Amino acid sequence: MSVAPARLQRIARPRLYEQLVEQLVQFMEADELVPGDRLPPERELAEKLGVSRATLSQALVALEVLGVIDVQHGTGATIIARPTLASVIQGFREHRSRLPDIIEARSTLEVKLAELAAARRTEEDLANIDDALDAMAAEIADGGRGVAGDERFHAAVTAAAQSSVLARMMALIHEMILETRIESLGQPGRPEQSLKSHRAIADAIRQGNAEAAAKAMRDHIILVSEVALLAAEDER
């Protein structure tokens, strides 16, 4: 009796930025770097690795998402946790597996929050939203990604909705949202795009247009959910 041959499955080729992440972790281990130490400047690292700064930036964003480094404009990448290669690979798998659920949760909660904010906002709420937009714009103008301002904006919209239950639900997924925020704003041109969509949300809330606010927030979630780290291929 003949046995049917097993079907072979195509093995996914590791993305270039994943290979770089592995090399960076191995570099940290070999040099015995500890929390508080800084990585070499991006330009120097890119030259040593033979890759573009854009590709290296993806690898650094990935490590930041996993809580290994903290990247600040003007100071570079500082190590905040000493990882093992195994823990980083596991972190990648867990991050990818929960991304769809995080996006789904944001689409459900934040769209409703924007709708409620348009109906319930006070003058103080509008002032806090404007302050957050100004803070994000200033960060971007200074060469940063606007992560802090982005977080302030969504917090201000949540507060304007005046729903204690939805606010508690947002607090529960805060850390997971932070992962996607860092990942999204690390994409080229994304900070400016995100700020523009924030302004559309703010305008609808200011006008008291609940339907428009919900749509603007839905469009924003779709925008920030598109990240290069999930692309099928990477280029040198």
C-alpha atoms as a PDB file:
ATOM      1  CA  MET A   1       0.000   0.000   0.000  1.00  0.00           C
ATOM      2  CA  SER A   2       1.536   3.289  -1.081  1.00  0.00           C
ATOM      3  CA  VAL A   3       1.659   6.231   1.258  1.00  0.00           C
ATOM      4  CA  ALA A   4       0.781   9.643  -0.103  1.00  0.00           C
ATOM      5  CA  PRO A   5       3.696  12.060   0.179  1.00  0.00           C
ATOM      6  CA  ALA A   6       3.360  14.711   2.853  1.00  0.00           C
ATOM      7  CA  ARG A   7       2.518  18.164   1.543  1.00  0.00           C
ATOM      8  CA  LEU A   8       5.368  20.562   1.945  1.00  0.00           C
ATOM      9  CA  GLN A   9       4.700  24.043   3.205  1.00  0.00           C
ATOM     10  CA  ARG A  10       6.663  27.043   2.130  1.00  0.00           C
ATOM     11  CA  ILE A  11       8.980  28.310   4.843  1.00  0.00           C
ATOM     12  CA  ALA A  12       8.654  32.031   5.367  1.00  0.00           C
ATOM     13  CA  ARG A  13      11.862  33.951   4.763  1.00  0.00           C
ATOM     14  CA  PRO A  14      12.792  36.002   7.842  1.00  0.00           C
ATOM     15  CA  ARG A  15      12.254  39.687   7.215  1.00  0.00           C
ATOM     16  CA  LEU A  16      15.386  41.789   7.057  1.00  0.00           C
ATOM     17  CA  TYR A  17      14.459  43.857  10.090  1.00  0.00           C
ATOM     18  CA  GLU A  18      13.934  40.607  12.065  1.00  0.00           C
ATOM     19  CA  GLN A  19      17.460  39.522  11.152  1.00  0.00           C
ATOM     20  CA  LEU A  20      18.710  42.924  12.276  1.00  0.00           C
ATOM     21  CA  VAL A  21      16.865  42.606  15.587  1.00  0.00           C
ATOM     22  CA  GLU A  22      18.635  39.305  16.197  1.00  0.00           C
ATOM     23  CA  GLN A  23      22.015  40.863  15.375  1.00  0.00           C
ATOM     24  CA  LEU A  24      21.327  43.817  17.683  1.00  0.00           C
ATOM     25  CA  VAL A  25      20.392  41.509  20.567  1.00  0.00           C
ATOM     26  CA  GLN A  26      23.525  39.455  19.973  1.00  0.00           C
ATOM     27  CA  PHE A  27      25.554  42.698  19.897  1.00  0.00           C
ATOM     28  CA  MET A  28      24.109  43.731  23.277  1.00  0.00           C
ATOM     29  CA  GLU A  29      24.894  40.312  24.740  1.00  0.00           C
ATOM     30  CA  ALA A  30      28.450  40.235  23.354  1.00  0.00           C
ATOM     31  CA  ASP A  31      29.242  43.733  24.630  1.00  0.00           C
ATOM     32  CA  GLU A  32      27.523  42.987  27.965  1.00  0.00           C
ATOM     33  CA  LEU A  33      25.393  46.113  27.681  1.00  0.00           C
ATOM     34  CA  VAL A  34      23.025  46.739  30.573  1.00  0.00           C
ATOM     35  CA  PRO A  35      20.004  48.974  31.158  1.00  0.00           C
ATOM     36  CA  GLY A  36      21.089  52.602  30.941  1.00  0.00           C
ATOM     37  CA  ASP A  37      23.713  51.968  28.253  1.00  0.00           C
ATOM     38  CA  ARG A  38      23.189  53.470  24.807  1.00  0.00           C
ATOM     39  CA  LEU A  39      23.456  51.871  21.410  1.00  0.00           C
ATOM     40  CA  PRO A  40      25.770  53.492  18.841  1.00  0.00           C
ATOM     41  CA  PRO A  41      24.207  56.203  16.635  1.00  0.00           C
ATOM     42  CA  GLU A  42      21.872  54.971  13.876  1.00  0.00           C
ATOM     43  CA  ARG A  43      24.170  56.117  11.073  1.00  0.00           C
ATOM     44  CA  GLU A  44      27.094  54.165  12.560  1.00  0.00           C
ATOM     45  CA  LEU A  45      24.995  51.047  13.137  1.00  0.00           C
ATOM     46  CA  ALA A  46      23.535  51.160   9.620  1.00  0.00           C
ATOM     47  CA  GLU A  47      27.006  51.409   8.070  1.00  0.00           C
ATOM     48  CA  LYS A  48      28.346  48.494  10.124  1.00  0.00           C
ATOM     49  CA  LEU A  49      25.354  46.306   9.261  1.00  0.00           C
ATOM     50  CA  GLY A  50      25.281  47.303   5.598  1.00  0.00           C
ATOM     51  CA  VAL A  51      21.633  48.334   5.578  1.00  0.00           C
ATOM     52  CA  SER A  52      19.703  51.531   5.065  1.00  0.00           C
ATOM     53  CA  ARG A  53      18.821  53.691   8.053  1.00  0.00           C
ATOM     54  CA  ALA A  54      15.150  53.171   7.199  1.00  0.00           C
ATOM     55  CA  THR A  55      15.482  49.399   7.625  1.00  0.00           C
ATOM     56  CA  LEU A  56      17.547  49.806  10.792  1.00  0.00           C
ATOM     57  CA  SER A  57      14.873  52.165  12.114  1.00  0.00           C
ATOM     58  CA  GLN A  58      12.290  49.387  11.715  1.00  0.00           C
ATOM     59  CA  ALA A  59      14.436  47.054  13.793  1.00  0.00           C
ATOM     60  CA  LEU A  60      14.846  49.686  16.518  1.00  0.00           C
ATOM     61  CA  VAL A  61      11.090  50.340  16.546  1.00  0.00           C
ATOM     62  CA  ALA A  62      10.512  46.600  16.947  1.00  0.00           C
ATOM     63  CA  LEU A  63      12.857  46.495  19.951  1.00  0.00           C
ATOM     64  CA  GLU A  64      11.139  49.551  21.402  1.00  0.00           C
ATOM     65  CA  VAL A  65       7.716  47.915  21.013  1.00  0.00           C
ATOM     66  CA  LEU A  66       9.042  44.888  22.889  1.00  0.00           C
ATOM     67  CA  GLY A  67      10.281  47.091  25.741  1.00  0.00           C
ATOM     68  CA  VAL A  68      13.982  46.460  25.122  1.00  0.00           C
ATOM     69  CA  ILE A  69      15.048  50.024  24.278  1.00  0.00           C
ATOM     70  CA  ASP A  70      13.735  53.557  24.584  1.00  0.00           C
ATOM     71  CA  VAL A  71      14.309  55.809  21.592  1.00  0.00           C
ATOM     72  CA  GLN A  72      14.276  59.562  22.141  1.00  0.00           C
ATOM     73  CA  HIS A  73      14.902  62.214  19.525  1.00  0.00           C
ATOM     74  CA  GLY A  74      18.323  63.753  20.034  1.00  0.00           C
ATOM     75  CA  THR A  75      19.621  61.128  22.484  1.00  0.00           C
ATOM     76  CA  GLY A  76      19.312  57.910  20.508  1.00  0.00           C
ATOM     77  CA  ALA A  77      18.442  54.444  21.766  1.00  0.00           C
ATOM     78  CA  THR A  78      18.889  53.605  25.445  1.00  0.00           C
ATOM     79  CA  ILE A  79      18.656  50.039  26.706  1.00  0.00           C
ATOM     80  CA  ILE A  80      15.933  49.617  29.333  1.00  0.00           C
ATOM     81  CA  ALA A  81      15.883  45.801  29.559  1.00  0.00           C
ATOM     82  CA  ARG A  82      18.498  43.157  28.894  1.00  0.00           C
ATOM     83  CA  PRO A  83      16.832  40.600  26.614  1.00  0.00           C
ATOM     84  CA  THR A  84      17.727  37.140  25.417  1.00  0.00           C
ATOM     85  CA  LEU A  85      17.295  36.193  21.785  1.00  0.00           C
ATOM     86  CA  ALA A  86      14.678  33.607  22.763  1.00  0.00           C
ATOM     87  CA  SER A  87      12.620  36.172  24.672  1.00  0.00           C
ATOM     88  CA  VAL A  88      12.711  38.602  21.746  1.00  0.00           C
ATOM     89  CA  ILE A  89      11.544  35.945  19.267  1.00  0.00           C
ATOM     90  CA  GLN A  90       8.743  34.961  21.640  1.00  0.00           C
ATOM     91  CA  GLY A  91       7.849  38.620  22.064  1.00  0.00           C
ATOM     92  CA  PHE A  92       7.522  38.989  18.287  1.00  0.00           C
ATOM     93  CA  ARG A  93       5.143  36.042  18.093  1.00  0.00           C
ATOM     94  CA  GLU A  94       2.963  37.283  20.944  1.00  0.00           C
ATOM     95  CA  HIS A  95       2.874  40.832  19.558  1.00  0.00           C
ATOM     96  CA  ARG A  96       1.770  39.679  16.107  1.00  0.00           C
ATOM     97  CA  SER A  97      -0.872  37.343  17.488  1.00  0.00           C
ATOM     98  CA  ARG A  98      -2.548  40.052  19.576  1.00  0.00           C
ATOM     99  CA  LEU A  99      -2.371  42.883  17.044  1.00  0.00           C
ATOM    100  CA  PRO A 100      -5.706  42.047  15.356  1.00  0.00           C
ATOM    101  CA  ASP A 101      -7.432  41.929  18.741  1.00  0.00           C
ATOM    102  CA  ILE A 102      -5.958  45.298  19.787  1.00  0.00           C
ATOM    103  CA  ILE A 103      -7.119  46.898  16.539  1.00  0.00           C
ATOM    104  CA  GLU A 104     -10.576  45.381  16.966  1.00  0.00           C
ATOM    105  CA  ALA A 105     -10.816  46.674  20.533  1.00  0.00           C
ATOM    106  CA  ARG A 106      -9.721  50.171  19.514  1.00  0.00           C
ATOM    107  CA  SER A 107     -12.207  50.219  16.644  1.00  0.00           C
ATOM    108  CA  THR A 108     -14.990  49.281  19.024  1.00  0.00           C
ATOM    109  CA  LEU A 109     -14.145  51.493  21.989  1.00  0.00           C
ATOM    110  CA  GLU A 110     -12.574  54.613  20.490  1.00  0.00           C
ATOM    111  CA  VAL A 111     -15.136  55.098  17.738  1.00  0.00           C
ATOM    112  CA  LYS A 112     -17.862  55.137  20.393  1.00  0.00           C
ATOM    113  CA  LEU A 113     -15.793  57.447  22.605  1.00  0.00           C
ATOM    114  CA  ALA A 114     -15.419  59.955  19.766  1.00  0.00           C
ATOM    115  CA  GLU A 115     -19.147  59.836  19.117  1.00  0.00           C
ATOM    116  CA  LEU A 116     -19.939  60.468  22.795  1.00  0.00           C
ATOM    117  CA  ALA A 117     -17.285  63.195  23.032  1.00  0.00           C
ATOM    118  CA  ALA A 118     -19.002  65.134  20.234  1.00  0.00           C
ATOM    119  CA  ALA A 119     -22.254  65.037  22.206  1.00  0.00           C
ATOM    120  CA  ARG A 120     -20.918  65.641  25.716  1.00  0.00           C
ATOM    121  CA  ARG A 121     -17.715  67.711  25.438  1.00  0.00           C
ATOM    122  CA  THR A 122     -17.275  70.822  27.523  1.00  0.00           C
ATOM    123  CA  GLU A 123     -15.172  73.898  26.789  1.00  0.00           C
ATOM    124  CA  GLU A 124     -12.534  72.486  29.136  1.00  0.00           C
ATOM    125  CA  ASP A 125     -12.506  69.230  27.166  1.00  0.00           C
ATOM    126  CA  LEU A 126     -12.038  71.124  23.905  1.00  0.00           C
ATOM    127  CA  ALA A 127      -9.162  73.074  25.436  1.00  0.00           C
ATOM    128  CA  ASN A 128      -7.482  69.822  26.550  1.00  0.00           C
ATOM    129  CA  ILE A 129      -7.896  68.345  23.071  1.00  0.00           C
ATOM    130  CA  ASP A 130      -6.358  71.462  21.501  1.00  0.00           C
ATOM    131  CA  ASP A 131      -3.461  71.364  23.992  1.00  0.00           C
ATOM    132  CA  ALA A 132      -2.778  67.755  23.039  1.00  0.00           C
ATOM    133  CA  LEU A 133      -2.772  68.632  19.328  1.00  0.00           C
ATOM    134  CA  ASP A 134      -0.361  71.510  19.974  1.00  0.00           C
ATOM    135  CA  ALA A 135       1.920  69.226  21.993  1.00  0.00           C
ATOM    136  CA  MET A 136       1.989  66.596  19.252  1.00  0.00           C
ATOM    137  CA  ALA A 137       2.648  69.220  16.566  1.00  0.00           C
ATOM    138  CA  ALA A 138       5.528  70.630  18.618  1.00  0.00           C
ATOM    139  CA  GLU A 139       7.073  67.184  19.084  1.00  0.00           C
ATOM    140  CA  ILE A 140       6.916  66.488  15.354  1.00  0.00           C
ATOM    141  CA  ALA A 141       8.294  69.920  14.451  1.00  0.00           C
ATOM    142  CA  ASP A 142      11.235  69.178  16.761  1.00  0.00           C
ATOM    143  CA  GLY A 143      11.982  65.978  14.861  1.00  0.00           C
ATOM    144  CA  GLY A 144      10.198  63.567  17.202  1.00  0.00           C
ATOM    145  CA  ARG A 145       7.399  61.122  16.510  1.00  0.00           C
ATOM    146  CA  GLY A 146       4.723  62.738  18.640  1.00  0.00           C
ATOM    147  CA  VAL A 147       4.094  59.678  20.834  1.00  0.00           C
ATOM    148  CA  ALA A 148       3.383  61.662  24.007  1.00  0.00           C
ATOM    149  CA  GLY A 149       1.099  64.123  22.216  1.00  0.00           C
ATOM    150  CA  ASP A 150      -0.718  61.254  20.506  1.00  0.00           C
ATOM    151  CA  GLU A 151      -1.354  59.622  23.872  1.00  0.00           C
ATOM    152  CA  ARG A 152      -2.580  62.920  25.343  1.00  0.00           C
ATOM    153  CA  PHE A 153      -4.997  63.417  22.461  1.00  0.00           C
ATOM    154  CA  HIS A 154      -6.678  60.047  22.838  1.00  0.00           C
ATOM    155  CA  ALA A 155      -6.824  60.502  26.611  1.00  0.00           C
ATOM    156  CA  ALA A 156      -8.505  63.902  26.134  1.00  0.00           C
ATOM    157  CA  VAL A 157     -11.098  62.402  23.774  1.00  0.00           C
ATOM    158  CA  THR A 158     -11.757  59.621  26.270  1.00  0.00           C
ATOM    159  CA  ALA A 159     -12.261  62.152  29.056  1.00  0.00           C
ATOM    160  CA  ALA A 160     -14.581  64.262  26.875  1.00  0.00           C
ATOM    161  CA  ALA A 161     -16.851  61.229  26.344  1.00  0.00           C
ATOM    162  CA  GLN A 162     -17.635  61.278  30.076  1.00  0.00           C
ATOM    163  CA  SER A 163     -18.131  57.526  30.300  1.00  0.00           C
ATOM    164  CA  SER A 164     -16.433  56.035  33.355  1.00  0.00           C
ATOM    165  CA  VAL A 165     -16.987  52.451  32.195  1.00  0.00           C
ATOM    166  CA  LEU A 166     -15.486  53.000  28.725  1.00  0.00           C
ATOM    167  CA  ALA A 167     -12.614  54.924  30.313  1.00  0.00           C
ATOM    168  CA  ARG A 168     -11.839  51.947  32.572  1.00  0.00           C
ATOM    169  CA  MET A 169     -11.950  49.618  29.590  1.00  0.00           C
ATOM    170  CA  MET A 170      -9.470  51.854  27.755  1.00  0.00           C
ATOM    171  CA  ALA A 171      -7.200  51.811  30.806  1.00  0.00           C
ATOM    172  CA  LEU A 172      -7.159  48.013  30.714  1.00  0.00           C
ATOM    173  CA  ILE A 173      -5.705  47.938  27.207  1.00  0.00           C
ATOM    174  CA  HIS A 174      -3.491  51.014  27.592  1.00  0.00           C
ATOM    175  CA  GLU A 175      -0.189  49.134  27.494  1.00  0.00           C
ATOM    176  CA  MET A 176      -1.200  47.126  24.432  1.00  0.00           C
ATOM    177  CA  ILE A 177      -2.298  50.295  22.640  1.00  0.00           C
ATOM    178  CA  LEU A 178       1.072  51.848  23.480  1.00  0.00           C
ATOM    179  CA  GLU A 179       2.746  49.008  21.533  1.00  0.00           C
ATOM    180  CA  THR A 180       0.744  49.810  18.408  1.00  0.00           C
ATOM    181  CA  ARG A 181       1.215  53.565  18.912  1.00  0.00           C
ATOM    182  CA  ILE A 182       5.014  53.269  18.977  1.00  0.00           C
ATOM    183  CA  GLU A 183       4.958  50.875  16.038  1.00  0.00           C
ATOM    184  CA  SER A 184       2.693  53.085  13.925  1.00  0.00           C
ATOM    185  CA  LEU A 185       4.423  56.403  14.648  1.00  0.00           C
ATOM    186  CA  GLY A 186       7.759  54.798  13.813  1.00  0.00           C
ATOM    187  CA  GLN A 187       6.711  54.566  10.146  1.00  0.00           C
ATOM    188  CA  PRO A 188       8.039  57.270   7.771  1.00  0.00           C
ATOM    189  CA  GLY A 189       5.546  60.124   7.399  1.00  0.00           C
ATOM    190  CA  ARG A 190       3.096  58.589   9.858  1.00  0.00           C
ATOM    191  CA  PRO A 191       3.380  61.242  12.618  1.00  0.00           C
ATOM    192  CA  GLU A 192       2.216  63.968  10.222  1.00  0.00           C
ATOM    193  CA  GLN A 193      -0.582  61.764   8.855  1.00  0.00           C
ATOM    194  CA  SER A 194      -1.734  60.870  12.353  1.00  0.00           C
ATOM    195  CA  LEU A 195      -1.756  64.509  13.437  1.00  0.00           C
ATOM    196  CA  LYS A 196      -3.860  65.423  10.414  1.00  0.00           C
ATOM    197  CA  SER A 197      -6.426  62.735  11.239  1.00  0.00           C
ATOM    198  CA  HIS A 198      -6.433  63.870  14.874  1.00  0.00           C
ATOM    199  CA  ARG A 199      -7.390  67.346  13.719  1.00  0.00           C
ATOM    200  CA  ALA A 200     -10.300  65.903  11.710  1.00  0.00           C
ATOM    201  CA  ILE A 201     -11.548  64.113  14.833  1.00  0.00           C
ATOM    202  CA  ALA A 202     -11.154  67.265  16.926  1.00  0.00           C
ATOM    203  CA  ASP A 203     -13.032  69.393  14.382  1.00  0.00           C
ATOM    204  CA  ALA A 204     -15.994  66.995  14.386  1.00  0.00           C
ATOM    205  CA  ILE A 205     -16.059  66.910  18.188  1.00  0.00           C
ATOM    206  CA  ARG A 206     -15.890  70.709  18.339  1.00  0.00           C
ATOM    207  CA  GLN A 207     -18.838  70.944  15.915  1.00  0.00           C
ATOM    208  CA  GLY A 208     -20.827  68.491  18.013  1.00  0.00           C
ATOM    209  CA  ASN A 209     -21.187  66.187  14.991  1.00  0.00           C
ATOM    210  CA  ALA A 210     -21.267  62.704  16.537  1.00  0.00           C
ATOM    211  CA  GLU A 211     -21.543  60.860  13.230  1.00  0.00           C
ATOM    212  CA  ALA A 212     -18.596  62.712  11.713  1.00  0.00           C
ATOM    213  CA  ALA A 213     -16.513  62.218  14.868  1.00  0.00           C
ATOM    214  CA  ALA A 214     -17.154  58.475  14.807  1.00  0.00           C
ATOM    215  CA  LYS A 215     -16.216  58.265  11.122  1.00  0.00           C
ATOM    216  CA  ALA A 216     -13.070  60.340  11.605  1.00  0.00           C
ATOM    217  CA  MET A 217     -11.969  58.105  14.483  1.00  0.00           C
ATOM    218  CA  ARG A 218     -12.732  54.961  12.468  1.00  0.00           C
ATOM    219  CA  ASP A 219     -10.638  56.295   9.580  1.00  0.00           C
ATOM    220  CA  HIS A 220      -7.853  57.137  12.026  1.00  0.00           C
ATOM    221  CA  ILE A 221      -7.771  53.622  13.502  1.00  0.00           C
ATOM    222  CA  ILE A 222      -7.575  52.164   9.987  1.00  0.00           C
ATOM    223  CA  LEU A 223      -4.683  54.518   9.170  1.00  0.00           C
ATOM    224  CA  VAL A 224      -2.600  53.776  12.256  1.00  0.00           C
ATOM    225  CA  SER A 225      -3.240  50.029  11.943  1.00  0.00           C
ATOM    226  CA  GLU A 226      -1.295  49.922   8.676  1.00  0.00           C
ATOM    227  CA  VAL A 227       2.287  49.291   9.748  1.00  0.00           C
ATOM    228  CA  ALA A 228       5.311  48.371   7.690  1.00  0.00           C
ATOM    229  CA  LEU A 229       6.381  45.824  10.300  1.00  0.00           C
ATOM    230  CA  LEU A 230       3.517  43.620   9.134  1.00  0.00           C
ATOM    231  CA  ALA A 231       4.445  43.842   5.442  1.00  0.00           C
ATOM    232  CA  ALA A 232       5.210  40.611   3.623  1.00  0.00           C
ATOM    233  CA  GLU A 233       8.631  41.714   2.413  1.00  0.00           C
ATOM    234  CA  ASP A 234      11.339  44.096   3.471  1.00  0.00           C
ATOM    235  CA  GLU A 235      13.928  45.733   1.229  1.00  0.00           C
ATOM    236  CA  ARG A 236      17.522  46.619   1.897  1.00  0.00           C
END
